[in-house]
Amino acid sequence: QVQLVESGGGLVQPGGSLRLSCVASGTSAMLSMGWYRQAPGKQRELVAYIDNRDMTNVVDSVKGRFTISRDGAKNTIYLQMDMMKPEDTAVYYCAADNIAGDYWWGQGTPVIVSS
């Protein structure tokens, strides 16, 4: 059973930076993984994705500000968030899937962008 544990959320001022981490355990397979976020009163949305060949993609609303990366040796992905805006405030979730179509979620880490 794959387990995902996020960390790194918190309070940051507009224009500031945070780096989220997600450690995957319970598997040695190279998973496709992503970061989602859910703001209050809104649906959960995809923010950034890295597939099992380390190809990455980020959504337009964060392009140029957020970067997703992986440290395969540590089974960890990161979301570097720069030039943050109040609208980035949300609970950020790590997710992973394999080629069999299994899907896992982390517990989420809150991010608040406010002065």
C-alpha atoms as a PDB file:
ATOM      1  CA  GLN A   1       0.000   0.000   0.000  1.00  0.00           C
ATOM      2  CA  VAL A   2       1.446   3.319  -1.071  1.00  0.00           C
ATOM      3  CA  GLN A   3       1.495   6.072   1.524  1.00  0.00           C
ATOM      4  CA  LEU A   4       2.054   9.747   0.726  1.00  0.00           C
ATOM      5  CA  VAL A   5       3.095  12.266   3.350  1.00  0.00           C
ATOM      6  CA  GLU A   6       3.173  15.971   2.529  1.00  0.00           C
ATOM      7  CA  SER A   7       5.011  18.697   4.391  1.00  0.00           C
ATOM      8  CA  GLY A   8       6.081  22.291   3.949  1.00  0.00           C
ATOM      9  CA  GLY A   9       2.811  24.187   4.050  1.00  0.00           C
ATOM     10  CA  GLY A  10       2.284  27.301   6.119  1.00  0.00           C
ATOM     11  CA  LEU A  11       1.702  31.024   6.073  1.00  0.00           C
ATOM     12  CA  VAL A  12       3.538  33.164   3.532  1.00  0.00           C
ATOM     13  CA  GLN A  13       3.232  36.768   2.435  1.00  0.00           C
ATOM     14  CA  PRO A  14       2.227  37.679  -1.115  1.00  0.00           C
ATOM     15  CA  GLY A  15       5.294  37.510  -3.341  1.00  0.00           C
ATOM     16  CA  GLY A  16       6.946  34.979  -1.070  1.00  0.00           C
ATOM     17  CA  SER A  17       7.976  31.369  -1.580  1.00  0.00           C
ATOM     18  CA  LEU A  18       7.281  27.951  -0.111  1.00  0.00           C
ATOM     19  CA  ARG A  19       8.464  24.477  -1.006  1.00  0.00           C
ATOM     20  CA  LEU A  20       6.186  21.516  -0.479  1.00  0.00           C
ATOM     21  CA  SER A  21       7.492  17.964  -0.195  1.00  0.00           C
ATOM     22  CA  CYS A  22       5.738  14.644  -0.632  1.00  0.00           C
ATOM     23  CA  VAL A  23       7.406  11.400   0.377  1.00  0.00           C
ATOM     24  CA  ALA A  24       6.061   8.173  -1.112  1.00  0.00           C
ATOM     25  CA  SER A  25       6.536   4.890   0.750  1.00  0.00           C
ATOM     26  CA  GLY A  26       5.366   1.339   0.260  1.00  0.00           C
ATOM     27  CA  THR A  27       6.567   0.903  -3.284  1.00  0.00           C
ATOM     28  CA  SER A  28       9.758   0.805  -5.297  1.00  0.00           C
ATOM     29  CA  ALA A  29       7.966   1.545  -8.558  1.00  0.00           C
ATOM     30  CA  MET A  30       8.370   4.850 -10.333  1.00  0.00           C
ATOM     31  CA  LEU A  31       4.988   6.473  -9.872  1.00  0.00           C
ATOM     32  CA  SER A  32       3.393   9.308 -11.720  1.00  0.00           C
ATOM     33  CA  MET A  33       2.700  11.973  -9.119  1.00  0.00           C
ATOM     34  CA  GLY A  34       1.057  15.311  -8.872  1.00  0.00           C
ATOM     35  CA  TRP A  35       0.037  18.217  -6.710  1.00  0.00           C
ATOM     36  CA  TYR A  36      -3.582  19.256  -6.392  1.00  0.00           C
ATOM     37  CA  ARG A  37      -5.131  22.017  -4.353  1.00  0.00           C
ATOM     38  CA  GLN A  38      -8.543  22.785  -2.959  1.00  0.00           C
ATOM     39  CA  ALA A  39      -9.480  26.282  -1.928  1.00  0.00           C
ATOM     40  CA  PRO A  40     -12.398  26.904   0.447  1.00  0.00           C
ATOM     41  CA  GLY A  41     -15.692  26.437  -1.357  1.00  0.00           C
ATOM     42  CA  LYS A  42     -14.032  25.254  -4.549  1.00  0.00           C
ATOM     43  CA  GLN A  43     -13.359  21.950  -6.232  1.00  0.00           C
ATOM     44  CA  ARG A  44     -10.001  20.234  -6.016  1.00  0.00           C
ATOM     45  CA  GLU A  45      -7.856  21.116  -9.017  1.00  0.00           C
ATOM     46  CA  LEU A  46      -4.630  19.847 -10.535  1.00  0.00           C
ATOM     47  CA  VAL A  47      -1.662  22.178 -10.106  1.00  0.00           C
ATOM     48  CA  ALA A  48       1.338  20.250 -11.414  1.00  0.00           C
ATOM     49  CA  TYR A  49       2.163  16.742 -12.575  1.00  0.00           C
ATOM     50  CA  ILE A  50       5.276  14.637 -13.092  1.00  0.00           C
ATOM     51  CA  ASP A  51       4.954  11.309 -14.868  1.00  0.00           C
ATOM     52  CA  ASN A  52       6.945   8.113 -14.455  1.00  0.00           C
ATOM     53  CA  ARG A  53       9.468   9.337 -17.037  1.00  0.00           C
ATOM     54  CA  ASP A  54       9.875  12.655 -15.182  1.00  0.00           C
ATOM     55  CA  MET A  55       8.030  14.657 -17.786  1.00  0.00           C
ATOM     56  CA  THR A  56       6.406  17.620 -16.052  1.00  0.00           C
ATOM     57  CA  ASN A  57       3.466  19.885 -16.592  1.00  0.00           C
ATOM     58  CA  VAL A  58       1.965  22.765 -14.631  1.00  0.00           C
ATOM     59  CA  VAL A  59      -1.365  24.472 -15.131  1.00  0.00           C
ATOM     60  CA  ASP A  60      -1.492  27.912 -16.715  1.00  0.00           C
ATOM     61  CA  SER A  61      -2.478  29.713 -13.510  1.00  0.00           C
ATOM     62  CA  VAL A  62       0.875  28.827 -11.884  1.00  0.00           C
ATOM     63  CA  LYS A  63       3.114  28.598 -14.929  1.00  0.00           C
ATOM     64  CA  GLY A  64       6.317  30.568 -14.404  1.00  0.00           C
ATOM     65  CA  ARG A  65       5.763  30.609 -10.631  1.00  0.00           C
ATOM     66  CA  PHE A  66       5.519  26.945  -9.546  1.00  0.00           C
ATOM     67  CA  THR A  67       7.910  24.124 -10.379  1.00  0.00           C
ATOM     68  CA  ILE A  68       7.449  20.405  -9.777  1.00  0.00           C
ATOM     69  CA  SER A  69      10.465  18.130  -9.405  1.00  0.00           C
ATOM     70  CA  ARG A  70      11.435  14.701  -8.142  1.00  0.00           C
ATOM     71  CA  ASP A  71      14.279  13.172  -6.156  1.00  0.00           C
ATOM     72  CA  GLY A  72      14.002   9.532  -7.155  1.00  0.00           C
ATOM     73  CA  ALA A  73      16.558   8.383  -4.621  1.00  0.00           C
ATOM     74  CA  LYS A  74      14.362   9.778  -1.838  1.00  0.00           C
ATOM     75  CA  ASN A  75      11.008   8.818  -3.423  1.00  0.00           C
ATOM     76  CA  THR A  76      10.071  12.442  -2.971  1.00  0.00           C
ATOM     77  CA  ILE A  77       8.493  15.081  -5.151  1.00  0.00           C
ATOM     78  CA  TYR A  78       8.580  18.791  -4.528  1.00  0.00           C
ATOM     79  CA  LEU A  79       6.497  21.792  -5.447  1.00  0.00           C
ATOM     80  CA  GLN A  80       8.519  24.984  -5.428  1.00  0.00           C
ATOM     81  CA  MET A  81       6.109  27.899  -5.215  1.00  0.00           C
ATOM     82  CA  ASP A  82       7.442  31.393  -5.935  1.00  0.00           C
ATOM     83  CA  MET A  83       5.790  34.804  -6.398  1.00  0.00           C
ATOM     84  CA  MET A  84       2.845  33.512  -4.470  1.00  0.00           C
ATOM     85  CA  LYS A  85      -0.546  35.198  -4.617  1.00  0.00           C
ATOM     86  CA  PRO A  86      -3.497  35.227  -2.212  1.00  0.00           C
ATOM     87  CA  GLU A  87      -5.415  33.086  -4.714  1.00  0.00           C
ATOM     88  CA  ASP A  88      -2.858  30.316  -4.151  1.00  0.00           C
ATOM     89  CA  THR A  89      -4.349  29.839  -0.685  1.00  0.00           C
ATOM     90  CA  ALA A  90      -5.622  26.258  -0.448  1.00  0.00           C
ATOM     91  CA  VAL A  91      -4.990  22.842   1.000  1.00  0.00           C
ATOM     92  CA  TYR A  92      -2.395  21.191  -1.214  1.00  0.00           C
ATOM     93  CA  TYR A  93      -2.589  17.455  -1.769  1.00  0.00           C
ATOM     94  CA  CYS A  94      -0.050  15.035  -3.172  1.00  0.00           C
ATOM     95  CA  ALA A  95      -1.369  12.247  -5.384  1.00  0.00           C
ATOM     96  CA  ALA A  96       0.195   9.253  -7.078  1.00  0.00           C
ATOM     97  CA  ASP A  97      -0.873   6.668  -9.622  1.00  0.00           C
ATOM     98  CA  ASN A  98       0.658   3.634 -11.279  1.00  0.00           C
ATOM     99  CA  ILE A  99       0.274   2.027 -14.676  1.00  0.00           C
ATOM    100  CA  ALA A 100      -2.397  -0.301 -13.271  1.00  0.00           C
ATOM    101  CA  GLY A 101      -4.611   2.699 -12.539  1.00  0.00           C
ATOM    102  CA  ASP A 102      -4.335   2.592  -8.771  1.00  0.00           C
ATOM    103  CA  TYR A 103      -4.550   6.011  -7.143  1.00  0.00           C
ATOM    104  CA  TRP A 104      -3.442   7.336  -3.778  1.00  0.00           C
ATOM    105  CA  TRP A 105      -3.793  10.662  -1.919  1.00  0.00           C
ATOM    106  CA  GLY A 106      -1.874  12.312   0.841  1.00  0.00           C
ATOM    107  CA  GLN A 107      -3.550  13.961   3.805  1.00  0.00           C
ATOM    108  CA  GLY A 108      -2.978  17.503   2.549  1.00  0.00           C
ATOM    109  CA  THR A 109      -0.987  20.462   3.805  1.00  0.00           C
ATOM    110  CA  PRO A 110      -2.510  23.946   4.149  1.00  0.00           C
ATOM    111  CA  VAL A 111      -0.993  26.963   2.446  1.00  0.00           C
ATOM    112  CA  ILE A 112      -2.125  30.489   3.304  1.00  0.00           C
ATOM    113  CA  VAL A 113      -0.922  33.488   1.344  1.00  0.00           C
ATOM    114  CA  SER A 114      -1.710  36.634   3.280  1.00  0.00           C
ATOM    115  CA  SER A 115      -0.112  39.789   4.548  1.00  0.00           C
END
